[in-house]
Protein backbone atom coordinates (compact mmCIF):
# COMPACT_ATOMS: atom_id res chain seq x y z
CA MET A 1 9.27 23.07 -10.62
CA LEU A 2 8.04 24.39 -7.36
CA ARG A 3 5.02 25.96 -9.13
CA TYR A 4 4.54 22.15 -10.30
CA ILE A 5 5.25 20.93 -6.79
CA ALA A 6 2.60 23.25 -5.01
CA MET A 7 0.16 22.18 -7.45
CA ARG A 8 0.31 18.90 -6.71
CA GLY A 9 0.62 19.20 -3.08
CA LEU A 10 -2.42 21.65 -3.02
CA LEU A 11 -4.43 18.36 -4.86
CA ALA A 12 -2.82 16.09 -2.32
CA VAL A 13 -4.58 18.52 0.28
CA LEU A 14 -7.76 18.33 -1.35
CA VAL A 15 -7.89 14.52 -1.74
CA ALA A 16 -7.10 13.77 1.71
CA PHE A 17 -9.54 16.45 3.56
CA THR A 18 -12.30 14.71 1.44
CA VAL A 19 -11.25 11.65 2.12
CA SER A 20 -11.37 12.34 6.02
CA LEU A 21 -14.91 14.16 4.91
CA ALA A 22 -16.45 10.57 3.76
CA THR A 23 -15.07 8.45 5.90
CA PHE A 24 -16.25 10.33 8.84
CA PHE A 25 -20.05 10.66 8.03
CA LEU A 26 -20.33 7.15 6.61
CA LEU A 27 -18.92 5.43 9.35
CA ASN A 28 -20.98 7.69 12.42
CA VAL A 29 -24.19 7.62 9.58
CA ALA A 30 -23.97 4.13 8.58
CA THR A 31 -24.02 2.63 12.27
CA ASP A 32 -24.89 3.65 15.79
CA PRO A 33 -21.73 4.39 17.59
CA ALA A 34 -23.36 4.08 20.77
CA GLN A 35 -25.45 1.10 20.00
CA ALA A 36 -22.12 -0.69 18.25
CA ILE A 37 -20.31 0.47 21.60
CA ALA A 38 -22.79 -0.97 23.97
CA GLY A 39 -24.06 -3.94 22.38
CA GLU A 40 -27.19 -5.16 20.37
CA ASP A 41 -29.16 -6.46 23.64
CA ALA A 42 -28.08 -3.41 25.94
CA PRO A 43 -31.16 -1.32 27.63
CA PRO A 44 -31.59 2.18 25.83
CA GLU A 45 -30.75 4.17 28.93
CA VAL A 46 -27.00 2.28 28.67
CA VAL A 47 -26.90 3.28 24.96
CA GLU A 48 -27.74 6.75 25.73
CA SER A 49 -25.25 7.16 28.62
CA ILE A 50 -22.83 6.08 26.30
CA ARG A 51 -23.76 8.33 23.81
CA THR A 52 -23.06 11.52 26.14
CA ARG A 53 -19.97 10.09 27.66
CA TYR A 54 -18.18 9.95 24.22
CA GLY A 55 -20.29 13.02 23.16
CA LEU A 56 -21.88 11.11 20.28
CA ASP A 57 -25.33 13.40 20.80
CA ARG A 58 -23.57 16.00 19.51
CA PRO A 59 -24.22 17.14 15.66
CA LEU A 60 -22.19 15.78 12.73
CA PRO A 61 -20.38 18.74 11.83
CA VAL A 62 -19.26 19.49 14.94
CA ARG A 63 -18.10 16.43 15.71
CA TYR A 64 -16.39 16.09 12.56
CA ALA A 65 -14.99 19.89 13.14
CA ASP A 66 -13.63 18.58 16.20
CA TRP A 67 -11.82 15.20 15.12
CA LEU A 68 -10.36 17.49 12.65
CA GLY A 69 -8.82 20.21 15.13
CA GLY A 70 -7.48 16.98 17.09
CA VAL A 71 -6.01 15.48 13.57
CA VAL A 72 -4.06 18.61 13.42
CA THR A 73 -2.83 18.77 16.86
CA GLY A 74 -1.77 15.21 16.86
CA ASP A 75 -4.83 14.02 19.06
CA PHE A 76 -6.01 10.78 17.37
CA GLY A 77 -9.09 10.79 20.21
CA GLU A 78 -8.94 7.43 22.34
CA SER A 79 -10.19 3.85 21.47
CA TYR A 80 -13.25 2.35 22.35
CA TYR A 81 -12.37 -0.80 22.52
CA TRP A 82 -8.68 -0.89 23.98
CA HIS A 83 -9.41 2.30 25.78
CA LYS A 84 -6.10 4.23 24.72
CA PRO A 85 -5.16 7.05 22.87
CA VAL A 86 -5.51 5.94 18.55
CA ALA A 87 -2.20 8.16 18.02
CA ALA A 88 -0.50 5.29 20.69
CA LEU A 89 -2.04 2.67 19.18
CA VAL A 90 -1.03 3.48 15.45
CA ALA A 91 2.76 4.27 16.91
CA ASP A 92 3.47 1.06 18.77
CA ARG A 93 2.57 -1.11 15.35
CA ALA A 94 3.40 1.29 12.25
CA ASP A 95 6.79 -0.08 12.29
CA LYS A 96 5.68 -3.76 11.59
CA THR A 97 3.69 -2.39 8.53
CA ILE A 98 6.45 -0.11 7.19
CA THR A 99 8.70 -2.83 7.01
CA LEU A 100 6.26 -5.38 5.63
CA ALA A 101 5.78 -2.72 2.65
CA LEU A 102 9.15 -2.17 2.35
CA SER A 103 10.03 -5.66 2.28
CA ALA A 104 7.36 -6.57 -0.25
CA LEU A 105 8.27 -3.21 -2.17
CA ALA A 106 11.42 -5.18 -2.81
CA VAL A 107 10.46 -8.14 -3.33
CA THR A 108 8.36 -7.16 -5.98
CA ILE A 109 11.37 -5.20 -8.03
CA LEU A 110 13.46 -8.40 -7.49
CA ILE A 111 10.91 -10.47 -9.58
CA ALA A 112 9.37 -7.99 -11.76
CA ILE A 113 12.48 -5.84 -13.27
CA PRO A 114 14.61 -8.54 -14.34
CA LEU A 115 11.88 -11.08 -15.27
CA GLY A 116 10.47 -7.95 -17.85
CA ALA A 117 14.18 -7.17 -18.71
CA LEU A 118 14.18 -10.91 -19.83
CA ALA A 119 11.02 -10.42 -21.46
CA ALA A 120 11.98 -7.72 -23.27
CA LEU A 121 15.20 -9.06 -24.40
CA ASN A 122 14.17 -12.64 -25.76
CA PRO A 123 10.49 -11.07 -27.32
CA ASN A 124 7.83 -13.65 -28.36
CA SER A 125 9.77 -16.55 -26.96
CA TRP A 126 9.73 -19.51 -24.40
CA ILE A 127 11.37 -16.83 -21.87
CA ASP A 128 9.00 -13.90 -22.59
CA ARG A 129 5.61 -16.39 -22.83
CA PHE A 130 6.78 -17.76 -19.11
CA ALA A 131 7.49 -14.04 -18.08
CA LEU A 132 3.70 -13.55 -19.17
CA GLY A 133 2.78 -16.70 -17.52
CA VAL A 134 4.08 -15.35 -13.96
CA ALA A 135 2.54 -12.35 -14.62
CA VAL A 136 -1.20 -13.57 -15.27
CA SER A 137 -0.64 -16.11 -12.30
CA ALA A 138 0.23 -13.05 -9.95
CA GLN A 139 -2.69 -11.62 -10.89
CA ALA A 140 -5.02 -14.28 -10.37
CA VAL A 141 -4.39 -15.91 -7.41
CA PRO A 142 -5.64 -14.19 -4.68
CA ASN A 143 -3.44 -12.77 -1.30
CA PHE A 144 -5.47 -14.85 1.21
CA TRP A 145 -5.15 -18.57 -0.71
CA LEU A 146 -1.43 -17.59 -1.82
CA GLY A 147 -1.07 -17.20 2.02
CA LEU A 148 -1.95 -20.26 2.88
CA ILE A 149 -0.33 -21.81 0.72
CA VAL A 150 3.22 -20.60 1.11
CA ILE A 151 2.02 -21.32 5.03
CA ILE A 152 1.91 -25.15 3.73
CA LEU A 153 4.60 -25.38 1.99
CA PHE A 154 7.43 -23.23 3.56
CA ALA A 155 6.12 -23.85 6.97
CA VAL A 156 4.71 -26.97 7.49
CA THR A 157 5.66 -29.15 4.97
CA ILE A 158 9.19 -28.01 4.29
CA PRO A 159 9.78 -25.82 8.01
CA ILE A 160 12.46 -23.87 6.98
CA PHE A 161 9.87 -19.97 7.87
CA PRO A 162 8.23 -19.02 11.04
CA VAL A 163 3.77 -20.07 10.74
CA SER A 164 3.31 -16.66 12.19
CA GLY A 165 4.90 -13.29 14.62
CA ASP A 166 6.91 -10.77 13.88
CA ASP A 167 9.86 -11.30 15.96
CA SER A 168 13.02 -11.24 13.41
CA TRP A 169 13.27 -10.75 9.65
CA ARG A 170 12.60 -14.67 9.49
CA HIS A 171 8.64 -13.80 9.83
CA TYR A 172 8.63 -11.39 7.06
CA VAL A 173 9.87 -13.15 4.28
CA LEU A 174 6.55 -15.28 3.65
CA PRO A 175 4.50 -12.60 4.27
CA ALA A 176 6.56 -9.67 2.40
CA PHE A 177 6.69 -12.57 -0.75
CA VAL A 178 2.85 -12.51 -0.27
CA LEU A 179 2.24 -9.14 -0.42
CA GLY A 180 5.04 -8.67 -3.05
CA ALA A 181 3.63 -10.81 -5.64
CA SER A 182 0.73 -9.01 -6.02
CA SER A 183 2.65 -5.61 -7.36
CA VAL A 184 4.62 -7.91 -10.05
CA PRO A 185 2.41 -8.55 -12.85
CA ALA A 186 2.14 -4.39 -13.13
CA VAL A 187 5.68 -3.68 -12.69
CA MET A 188 6.68 -6.76 -15.21
CA ARG A 189 4.73 -5.71 -17.93
CA LEU A 190 6.06 -2.00 -17.80
CA THR A 191 9.64 -2.69 -17.51
CA ARG A 192 8.55 -5.00 -21.10
CA THR A 193 6.80 -2.71 -22.54
CA GLY A 194 9.25 0.31 -22.12
CA LEU A 195 11.98 -1.90 -22.80
CA ILE A 196 11.05 -2.93 -25.64
CA GLU A 197 9.97 0.26 -26.69
CA VAL A 198 13.14 1.87 -25.98
CA MET A 199 15.02 -0.52 -27.80
CA SER A 200 13.68 0.27 -31.10
CA ALA A 201 15.22 3.95 -30.55
CA ASP A 202 17.92 5.37 -32.79
CA TYR A 203 20.46 5.64 -30.14
CA ILE A 204 20.27 1.97 -29.10
CA ARG A 205 20.98 1.09 -32.40
CA THR A 206 24.05 2.77 -32.26
CA ALA A 207 25.10 1.43 -29.06
CA ARG A 208 24.49 -2.12 -30.64
CA ALA A 209 27.09 -0.94 -33.96
CA LYS A 210 29.48 0.39 -31.02
CA GLY A 211 29.49 -3.26 -29.50
CA PHE A 212 26.70 -3.29 -26.90
CA ARG A 213 24.45 -6.77 -26.57
CA GLY A 214 22.66 -8.05 -23.50
CA TRP A 215 23.08 -7.18 -20.06
CA GLN A 216 25.49 -4.13 -20.74
CA LEU A 217 23.22 -2.66 -23.35
CA LEU A 218 20.59 -2.72 -20.93
CA ARG A 219 22.14 -1.40 -18.03
CA ARG A 220 24.23 1.36 -19.64
CA HIS A 221 21.75 3.03 -22.25
CA ALA A 222 18.66 1.11 -21.81
CA LEU A 223 17.13 0.57 -18.70
CA ARG A 224 17.98 4.24 -17.10
CA ASN A 225 14.85 5.43 -20.16
CA ALA A 226 12.73 2.34 -19.54
CA LEU A 227 12.20 2.88 -15.64
CA LEU A 228 10.83 6.00 -15.42
CA PRO A 229 7.46 4.86 -15.61
CA VAL A 230 8.43 2.27 -13.65
CA ILE A 231 9.60 4.38 -10.82
CA SER A 232 6.34 5.92 -10.10
CA VAL A 233 4.27 3.32 -10.30
CA LEU A 234 6.29 1.63 -7.22
CA ALA A 235 5.66 4.35 -5.01
CA VAL A 236 2.01 4.00 -5.92
CA GLN A 237 2.65 0.46 -4.75
CA LEU A 238 4.19 1.12 -2.00
CA GLY A 239 1.18 3.52 -1.24
CA GLN A 240 -1.51 0.14 -2.31
CA LYS A 241 0.91 -1.87 0.61
CA PHE A 242 -0.22 -0.17 3.72
CA GLY A 243 -4.07 -1.02 3.26
CA GLY A 244 -3.16 -3.97 1.35
CA SER A 245 -1.64 -5.44 4.54
CA VAL A 246 -4.90 -6.33 6.15
CA ILE A 247 -5.29 -9.30 5.15
CA THR A 248 -1.61 -10.51 5.24
CA GLU A 249 -0.94 -9.47 8.71
CA SER A 250 -4.37 -11.15 9.64
CA ILE A 251 -2.96 -14.53 7.92
CA PHE A 252 0.42 -14.31 9.00
CA ALA A 253 -0.83 -12.59 12.01
CA ILE A 254 1.63 -10.08 12.27
CA ASN A 255 0.47 -7.21 14.87
CA GLY A 256 0.69 -4.12 12.15
CA LEU A 257 -1.66 -1.79 11.12
CA GLY A 258 -3.33 -3.92 8.98
CA ARG A 259 -4.71 -6.41 11.74
CA LEU A 260 -5.36 -3.89 13.70
CA ALA A 261 -7.51 -2.26 11.36
CA LEU A 262 -9.28 -5.56 11.60
CA GLU A 263 -9.55 -5.98 14.88
CA SER A 264 -11.14 -2.47 15.21
CA ILE A 265 -13.81 -3.23 12.45
CA LEU A 266 -14.28 -6.57 14.49
CA GLY A 267 -14.33 -4.54 17.58
CA ALA A 268 -16.68 -1.65 16.23
CA ASP A 269 -13.66 0.78 17.51
CA ILE A 270 -14.83 3.60 14.96
CA PRO A 271 -11.86 5.64 16.03
CA THR A 272 -9.28 3.66 15.22
CA VAL A 273 -10.99 2.45 12.29
CA GLN A 274 -11.19 6.31 10.90
CA MET A 275 -7.93 7.03 12.12
CA LEU A 276 -6.58 3.88 9.96
CA ILE A 277 -8.40 4.35 7.06
CA PHE A 278 -7.05 8.21 7.07
CA VAL A 279 -3.63 7.02 7.51
CA PHE A 280 -3.78 4.85 4.94
CA ALA A 281 -5.12 7.36 2.34
CA ILE A 282 -2.43 10.19 3.41
CA VAL A 283 0.27 7.10 2.34
CA PHE A 284 -1.22 6.43 -0.65
CA VAL A 285 -1.79 10.27 -1.32
CA ALA A 286 1.44 11.34 -0.48
CA MET A 287 3.24 8.61 -2.72
CA ASN A 288 1.09 9.32 -5.69
CA LEU A 289 2.87 13.31 -4.96
CA LEU A 290 5.91 11.76 -4.61
CA ALA A 291 5.74 9.97 -7.68
CA ASP A 292 4.42 13.22 -9.75
CA ILE A 293 7.23 14.59 -8.26
CA LEU A 294 9.40 12.07 -9.41
CA ASN A 295 8.28 11.81 -12.84
CA ALA A 296 8.45 15.70 -13.29
CA ALA A 297 12.12 15.63 -12.24
CA LEU A 298 13.01 12.96 -15.00
CA ASP A 299 11.07 14.25 -17.64
CA PRO A 300 10.68 18.19 -17.83
CA ARG A 301 7.65 17.76 -20.55
CA ILE A 302 5.64 16.29 -17.49
CA ARG A 303 5.68 19.69 -15.27
CA ILE A 304 5.86 22.33 -18.31
CA GLY A 305 2.48 20.27 -19.74
C-alpha cells in the first residue's frame, strides 16, 4: 500500500510541475505582461519602465525558476492589479470557495445517490425514467443559465434567499445548488449502474432469501459495494468544484477564488492568474490522488495490479 501511495504521489507531483510549467510559459508568451499592465496606449518608455521594475526583462527560464522557488517557500509574488501579496489575496478568499465547494458536493450527494438508488430499485419504471430525465436535464443546462433561473425564481419572484453575497449560510444555498447540479448526472448514473450490477450478485439473492427487501437490503448489503466507484468520483468532483466556481461565484457575487480569477484576468494580473490556476490544478490533482488511495484501500486488487 505504501509503495502504491508513493508511486501515485510521485505522479501527482509530476502533473503539478507540468501544469505550473505550461501555465507560466503560456501566460507570459501569449501576451506581453508589461504592455498589459501599462495599457494599450502607454508610451514605450512607460512599458520599458514597468518591464524593468517587475523583472520582466529577464529570460523566461530565469523568471520561472524564481517563481517556482517562491512557490516552494510560500512567496507567490505580488499582484500587479491590487499591489498586494498574491498569497494574502488567496488566503482572504479561499474559505469562501471551500465553503461553496463542500456545499455543492453535499447537494450532489443528497440528490444523485437517492435518485440513483431509486432508479436501481425500480429499473425500467417511470421512477427510473424520471431519474434519468433529471440527469440528462442537469447535464444539458449550463451553470450560468441555471443560476439566473434560480435567482429569478427563489430570490426575486419568491424572495426566499439572497440574490448575492456571502455573509451567511443562506447566501450559499442557491450557488451550492447550481454548482452541485452539474455533478448530479455522473454520480446518479454511476450509483444506478453499480447498484443494478450488485443487486444481481449471489450474496444479494441470499439476503433476499433471508427476508431483506427494499431500502433495508440496499443499506445493509448492496450500497456499500456499489458506492466504491462513486466515492472516487465524488473526490474528483470536489476538485472540479474549485475550478468550476468561477462562473457561479461571478453570478452570485461571492468573493471567492473563482471571482478573484475572473477579476485578475480582466485586470491582466498575471501573477494572480498564474497562482490561481496552479492552486486549482493542485487541488484537482490532490483529489485525484485521494480517490486513488481510497479505491486502493477499499479494493486491494487495484494496488496489486
